[in-house]
Amino acid sequence: MELWTEVRRRVLTGELSRRQAAEEYDLNYRTVAACLAGRKVRFFRVTELITALLEARDEKSLLRLRSQLAKQDVVVLDELGYVPASKAGAELLFDLVGQAYERQSLVVTTNLPFENWTEVLGSERLTGAALDRLTHRCHILEFTGQSYRLQDAQRRSRSKKQE
């Protein structure tokens, strides 16, 4: 199993389904395995990372935070697309992606197709540049299908009706 011994980018996109749940299990396994193999790994929900970047900028500690992030072997950006970023937040996130380009492994999970990333990042130009860096020599895993959580809820509902 590959443990991110070389620079990799992965983008997991689409509605959460059983296949994506299995892929996320694999992602979690690889992340834990990378940690156990001595790799430095950081996991962020995108909204939390943007908040941390904005706070660091306001506190004049952004360079220190960026330096800490640059020392990571793998950075996981989870849930891109659930909350739109402010202009400043999107720009700081883009800077992080640009800094990591071909230096670090990046993993991004999102429920949005690429054409809708402008809804989160705001600017078409910034979105295009971010996608260019993320998707260059990238493994893109796209998932379709009904959410496994919705399927489970429907199954439980049918079970209760039969009782």
C-alpha atoms as a PDB file:
ATOM      1  CA  MET A   1       0.000   0.000   0.000  1.00  0.00           C
ATOM      2  CA  GLU A   2       1.293   3.440  -0.959  1.00  0.00           C
ATOM      3  CA  LEU A   3       1.961   5.603   2.092  1.00  0.00           C
ATOM      4  CA  TRP A   4       2.453   8.928   0.351  1.00  0.00           C
ATOM      5  CA  THR A   5       6.191   8.510  -0.006  1.00  0.00           C
ATOM      6  CA  GLU A   6       6.065  10.888  -2.936  1.00  0.00           C
ATOM      7  CA  VAL A   7       4.095  14.054  -3.591  1.00  0.00           C
ATOM      8  CA  ARG A   8       0.491  13.206  -4.450  1.00  0.00           C
ATOM      9  CA  ARG A   9      -2.733  15.071  -4.774  1.00  0.00           C
ATOM     10  CA  ARG A  10      -6.133  13.473  -4.412  1.00  0.00           C
ATOM     11  CA  VAL A  11      -9.530  15.047  -4.826  1.00  0.00           C
ATOM     12  CA  LEU A  12     -12.582  13.083  -3.656  1.00  0.00           C
ATOM     13  CA  THR A  13     -15.707  14.645  -5.084  1.00  0.00           C
ATOM     14  CA  GLY A  14     -19.412  13.808  -5.137  1.00  0.00           C
ATOM     15  CA  GLU A  15     -22.219  12.922  -2.806  1.00  0.00           C
ATOM     16  CA  LEU A  16     -21.217  10.703   0.074  1.00  0.00           C
ATOM     17  CA  SER A  17     -22.152   7.127  -0.799  1.00  0.00           C
ATOM     18  CA  ARG A  18     -21.118   3.664   0.237  1.00  0.00           C
ATOM     19  CA  ARG A  19     -18.249   3.790  -2.252  1.00  0.00           C
ATOM     20  CA  GLN A  20     -17.027   7.087  -0.871  1.00  0.00           C
ATOM     21  CA  ALA A  21     -17.360   5.780   2.665  1.00  0.00           C
ATOM     22  CA  ALA A  22     -15.098   2.887   1.661  1.00  0.00           C
ATOM     23  CA  GLU A  23     -12.663   5.304   0.003  1.00  0.00           C
ATOM     24  CA  GLU A  24     -12.654   7.530   3.073  1.00  0.00           C
ATOM     25  CA  TYR A  25     -11.928   4.464   5.183  1.00  0.00           C
ATOM     26  CA  ASP A  26      -8.973   3.810   2.866  1.00  0.00           C
ATOM     27  CA  LEU A  27      -7.974   7.482   3.146  1.00  0.00           C
ATOM     28  CA  ASN A  28      -8.132   7.261   6.946  1.00  0.00           C
ATOM     29  CA  TYR A  29      -6.091   4.055   6.878  1.00  0.00           C
ATOM     30  CA  ARG A  30      -3.449   5.639   4.647  1.00  0.00           C
ATOM     31  CA  THR A  31      -3.350   8.729   6.852  1.00  0.00           C
ATOM     32  CA  VAL A  32      -2.875   6.665  10.005  1.00  0.00           C
ATOM     33  CA  ALA A  33      -0.320   4.474   8.228  1.00  0.00           C
ATOM     34  CA  ALA A  34       1.535   7.590   7.076  1.00  0.00           C
ATOM     35  CA  CYS A  35       1.601   8.862  10.669  1.00  0.00           C
ATOM     36  CA  LEU A  36       2.866   5.522  11.935  1.00  0.00           C
ATOM     37  CA  ALA A  37       5.536   5.523   9.223  1.00  0.00           C
ATOM     38  CA  GLY A  38       6.823   8.816  10.582  1.00  0.00           C
ATOM     39  CA  ARG A  39       5.139  11.090   8.060  1.00  0.00           C
ATOM     40  CA  LYS A  40       3.808  14.408   9.293  1.00  0.00           C
ATOM     41  CA  VAL A  41       0.079  14.638   8.596  1.00  0.00           C
ATOM     42  CA  ARG A  42      -2.416  17.430   9.345  1.00  0.00           C
ATOM     43  CA  PHE A  43      -6.182  17.148   8.918  1.00  0.00           C
ATOM     44  CA  PHE A  44      -8.418  20.211   8.607  1.00  0.00           C
ATOM     45  CA  ARG A  45     -12.011  20.933   7.814  1.00  0.00           C
ATOM     46  CA  VAL A  46     -11.668  23.675   5.232  1.00  0.00           C
ATOM     47  CA  THR A  47     -13.766  26.146   7.233  1.00  0.00           C
ATOM     48  CA  GLU A  48     -11.588  25.604  10.323  1.00  0.00           C
ATOM     49  CA  LEU A  49      -8.399  26.027   8.299  1.00  0.00           C
ATOM     50  CA  ILE A  50      -9.642  29.245   6.725  1.00  0.00           C
ATOM     51  CA  THR A  51     -10.583  30.559  10.170  1.00  0.00           C
ATOM     52  CA  ALA A  52      -7.108  29.663  11.491  1.00  0.00           C
ATOM     53  CA  LEU A  53      -5.454  31.371   8.496  1.00  0.00           C
ATOM     54  CA  LEU A  54      -7.548  34.525   8.942  1.00  0.00           C
ATOM     55  CA  GLU A  55      -6.850  34.655  12.686  1.00  0.00           C
ATOM     56  CA  ALA A  56      -3.121  34.134  12.080  1.00  0.00           C
ATOM     57  CA  ARG A  57      -3.146  36.958   9.536  1.00  0.00           C
ATOM     58  CA  ASP A  58      -4.903  39.280  11.980  1.00  0.00           C
ATOM     59  CA  GLU A  59      -2.483  38.334  14.782  1.00  0.00           C
ATOM     60  CA  LYS A  60       0.543  38.837  12.485  1.00  0.00           C
ATOM     61  CA  SER A  61       1.493  35.141  12.803  1.00  0.00           C
ATOM     62  CA  LEU A  62       0.513  33.973   9.311  1.00  0.00           C
ATOM     63  CA  LEU A  63       4.105  33.301   8.210  1.00  0.00           C
ATOM     64  CA  ARG A  64       4.630  31.079  11.256  1.00  0.00           C
ATOM     65  CA  LEU A  65       1.449  29.088  10.532  1.00  0.00           C
ATOM     66  CA  ARG A  66       2.339  28.733   6.844  1.00  0.00           C
ATOM     67  CA  SER A  67       5.815  27.553   7.837  1.00  0.00           C
ATOM     68  CA  GLN A  68       4.314  24.944  10.188  1.00  0.00           C
ATOM     69  CA  LEU A  69       1.984  23.722   7.437  1.00  0.00           C
ATOM     70  CA  ALA A  70       4.825  23.591   4.896  1.00  0.00           C
ATOM     71  CA  LYS A  71       6.617  21.091   7.142  1.00  0.00           C
ATOM     72  CA  GLN A  72       3.793  18.562   6.808  1.00  0.00           C
ATOM     73  CA  ASP A  73       4.133  15.626   4.407  1.00  0.00           C
ATOM     74  CA  VAL A  74       0.358  15.259   3.963  1.00  0.00           C
ATOM     75  CA  VAL A  75      -2.352  17.906   4.381  1.00  0.00           C
ATOM     76  CA  VAL A  76      -5.976  16.735   4.288  1.00  0.00           C
ATOM     77  CA  LEU A  77      -8.573  19.410   3.466  1.00  0.00           C
ATOM     78  CA  ASP A  78     -11.996  18.021   4.319  1.00  0.00           C
ATOM     79  CA  GLU A  79     -15.446  19.287   3.332  1.00  0.00           C
ATOM     80  CA  LEU A  80     -14.569  21.933   0.757  1.00  0.00           C
ATOM     81  CA  GLY A  81     -17.852  23.307  -0.466  1.00  0.00           C
ATOM     82  CA  TYR A  82     -20.149  23.229   2.511  1.00  0.00           C
ATOM     83  CA  VAL A  83     -19.612  26.879   3.448  1.00  0.00           C
ATOM     84  CA  PRO A  84     -18.565  29.682   1.083  1.00  0.00           C
ATOM     85  CA  ALA A  85     -15.272  31.352   1.964  1.00  0.00           C
ATOM     86  CA  SER A  86     -14.796  35.075   2.308  1.00  0.00           C
ATOM     87  CA  LYS A  87     -12.619  36.738  -0.337  1.00  0.00           C
ATOM     88  CA  ALA A  88      -9.684  36.953   2.093  1.00  0.00           C
ATOM     89  CA  GLY A  89     -10.237  33.369   3.259  1.00  0.00           C
ATOM     90  CA  ALA A  90     -10.327  32.054  -0.309  1.00  0.00           C
ATOM     91  CA  GLU A  91      -7.121  33.915  -1.128  1.00  0.00           C
ATOM     92  CA  LEU A  92      -5.352  32.480   1.933  1.00  0.00           C
ATOM     93  CA  LEU A  93      -6.542  28.973   1.038  1.00  0.00           C
ATOM     94  CA  PHE A  94      -5.250  29.461  -2.498  1.00  0.00           C
ATOM     95  CA  ASP A  95      -1.879  30.552  -1.101  1.00  0.00           C
ATOM     96  CA  LEU A  96      -1.735  27.333   0.911  1.00  0.00           C
ATOM     97  CA  VAL A  97      -2.548  25.233  -2.179  1.00  0.00           C
ATOM     98  CA  GLY A  98       0.057  27.126  -4.185  1.00  0.00           C
ATOM     99  CA  GLN A  99       2.665  26.692  -1.454  1.00  0.00           C
ATOM    100  CA  ALA A 100       1.975  22.940  -1.302  1.00  0.00           C
ATOM    101  CA  TYR A 101       1.988  22.462  -5.081  1.00  0.00           C
ATOM    102  CA  GLU A 102       4.494  19.717  -5.963  1.00  0.00           C
ATOM    103  CA  ARG A 103       5.993  19.875  -2.459  1.00  0.00           C
ATOM    104  CA  GLN A 104       3.399  18.154  -0.285  1.00  0.00           C
ATOM    105  CA  SER A 105       0.653  15.584  -0.656  1.00  0.00           C
ATOM    106  CA  LEU A 106      -2.768  17.223  -0.574  1.00  0.00           C
ATOM    107  CA  VAL A 107      -6.054  15.408  -0.158  1.00  0.00           C
ATOM    108  CA  VAL A 108      -9.299  17.336  -0.687  1.00  0.00           C
ATOM    109  CA  THR A 109     -12.814  16.047  -0.066  1.00  0.00           C
ATOM    110  CA  THR A 110     -15.780  17.947  -1.494  1.00  0.00           C
ATOM    111  CA  ASN A 111     -19.411  17.478  -2.396  1.00  0.00           C
ATOM    112  CA  LEU A 112     -19.146  19.974  -5.275  1.00  0.00           C
ATOM    113  CA  PRO A 113     -18.249  19.295  -8.902  1.00  0.00           C
ATOM    114  CA  PHE A 114     -15.334  21.429 -10.055  1.00  0.00           C
ATOM    115  CA  GLU A 115     -17.569  23.763 -12.044  1.00  0.00           C
ATOM    116  CA  ASN A 116     -19.254  24.817  -8.791  1.00  0.00           C
ATOM    117  CA  TRP A 117     -16.106  25.602  -6.809  1.00  0.00           C
ATOM    118  CA  THR A 118     -16.559  29.274  -7.675  1.00  0.00           C
ATOM    119  CA  GLU A 119     -19.500  29.227  -5.236  1.00  0.00           C
ATOM    120  CA  VAL A 120     -17.006  28.570  -2.440  1.00  0.00           C
ATOM    121  CA  LEU A 121     -13.914  30.433  -3.620  1.00  0.00           C
ATOM    122  CA  GLY A 122     -15.747  33.389  -5.152  1.00  0.00           C
ATOM    123  CA  SER A 123     -13.493  34.372  -8.041  1.00  0.00           C
ATOM    124  CA  GLU A 124     -13.416  32.432 -11.313  1.00  0.00           C
ATOM    125  CA  ARG A 125      -9.766  33.357 -11.766  1.00  0.00           C
ATOM    126  CA  LEU A 126      -8.776  32.164  -8.285  1.00  0.00           C
ATOM    127  CA  THR A 127     -10.854  28.992  -8.645  1.00  0.00           C
ATOM    128  CA  GLY A 128      -9.277  28.200 -12.006  1.00  0.00           C
ATOM    129  CA  ALA A 129      -5.772  28.704 -10.647  1.00  0.00           C
ATOM    130  CA  ALA A 130      -6.506  26.572  -7.562  1.00  0.00           C
ATOM    131  CA  LEU A 131      -7.978  23.767  -9.676  1.00  0.00           C
ATOM    132  CA  ASP A 132      -5.012  23.956 -12.033  1.00  0.00           C
ATOM    133  CA  ARG A 133      -2.609  23.332  -9.155  1.00  0.00           C
ATOM    134  CA  LEU A 134      -4.769  20.723  -7.430  1.00  0.00           C
ATOM    135  CA  THR A 135      -5.596  18.644 -10.490  1.00  0.00           C
ATOM    136  CA  HIS A 136      -2.163  18.595 -12.128  1.00  0.00           C
ATOM    137  CA  ARG A 137      -0.956  14.982 -11.809  1.00  0.00           C
ATOM    138  CA  CYS A 138      -3.811  14.280  -9.407  1.00  0.00           C
ATOM    139  CA  HIS A 139      -5.926  11.247  -8.587  1.00  0.00           C
ATOM    140  CA  ILE A 140      -9.542  12.395  -8.923  1.00  0.00           C
ATOM    141  CA  LEU A 141     -12.076  10.057  -7.380  1.00  0.00           C
ATOM    142  CA  GLU A 142     -15.628  11.036  -8.282  1.00  0.00           C
ATOM    143  CA  PHE A 143     -18.541   9.400  -6.533  1.00  0.00           C
ATOM    144  CA  THR A 144     -22.165   9.402  -7.534  1.00  0.00           C
ATOM    145  CA  GLY A 145     -25.162   7.789  -5.955  1.00  0.00           C
ATOM    146  CA  GLN A 146     -27.406   8.275  -3.012  1.00  0.00           C
ATOM    147  CA  SER A 147     -25.949   9.216   0.348  1.00  0.00           C
ATOM    148  CA  TYR A 148     -25.386   6.174   2.538  1.00  0.00           C
ATOM    149  CA  ARG A 149     -26.841   8.148   5.463  1.00  0.00           C
ATOM    150  CA  LEU A 150     -30.061   8.722   3.515  1.00  0.00           C
ATOM    151  CA  GLN A 151     -30.176   5.052   2.518  1.00  0.00           C
ATOM    152  CA  ASP A 152     -29.733   4.051   6.164  1.00  0.00           C
ATOM    153  CA  ALA A 153     -32.485   6.419   7.302  1.00  0.00           C
ATOM    154  CA  GLN A 154     -34.847   5.043   4.655  1.00  0.00           C
ATOM    155  CA  ARG A 155     -34.020   1.459   5.675  1.00  0.00           C
ATOM    156  CA  ARG A 156     -34.695   2.246   9.346  1.00  0.00           C
ATOM    157  CA  SER A 157     -37.962   3.971   8.416  1.00  0.00           C
ATOM    158  CA  ARG A 158     -39.129   0.914   6.449  1.00  0.00           C
ATOM    159  CA  SER A 159     -38.180  -1.359   9.391  1.00  0.00           C
ATOM    160  CA  LYS A 160     -40.254   0.719  11.821  1.00  0.00           C
ATOM    161  CA  LYS A 161     -43.275   0.616   9.494  1.00  0.00           C
ATOM    162  CA  GLN A 162     -43.069  -3.161   9.248  1.00  0.00           C
ATOM    163  CA  GLU A 163     -43.044  -3.528  13.065  1.00  0.00           C
END
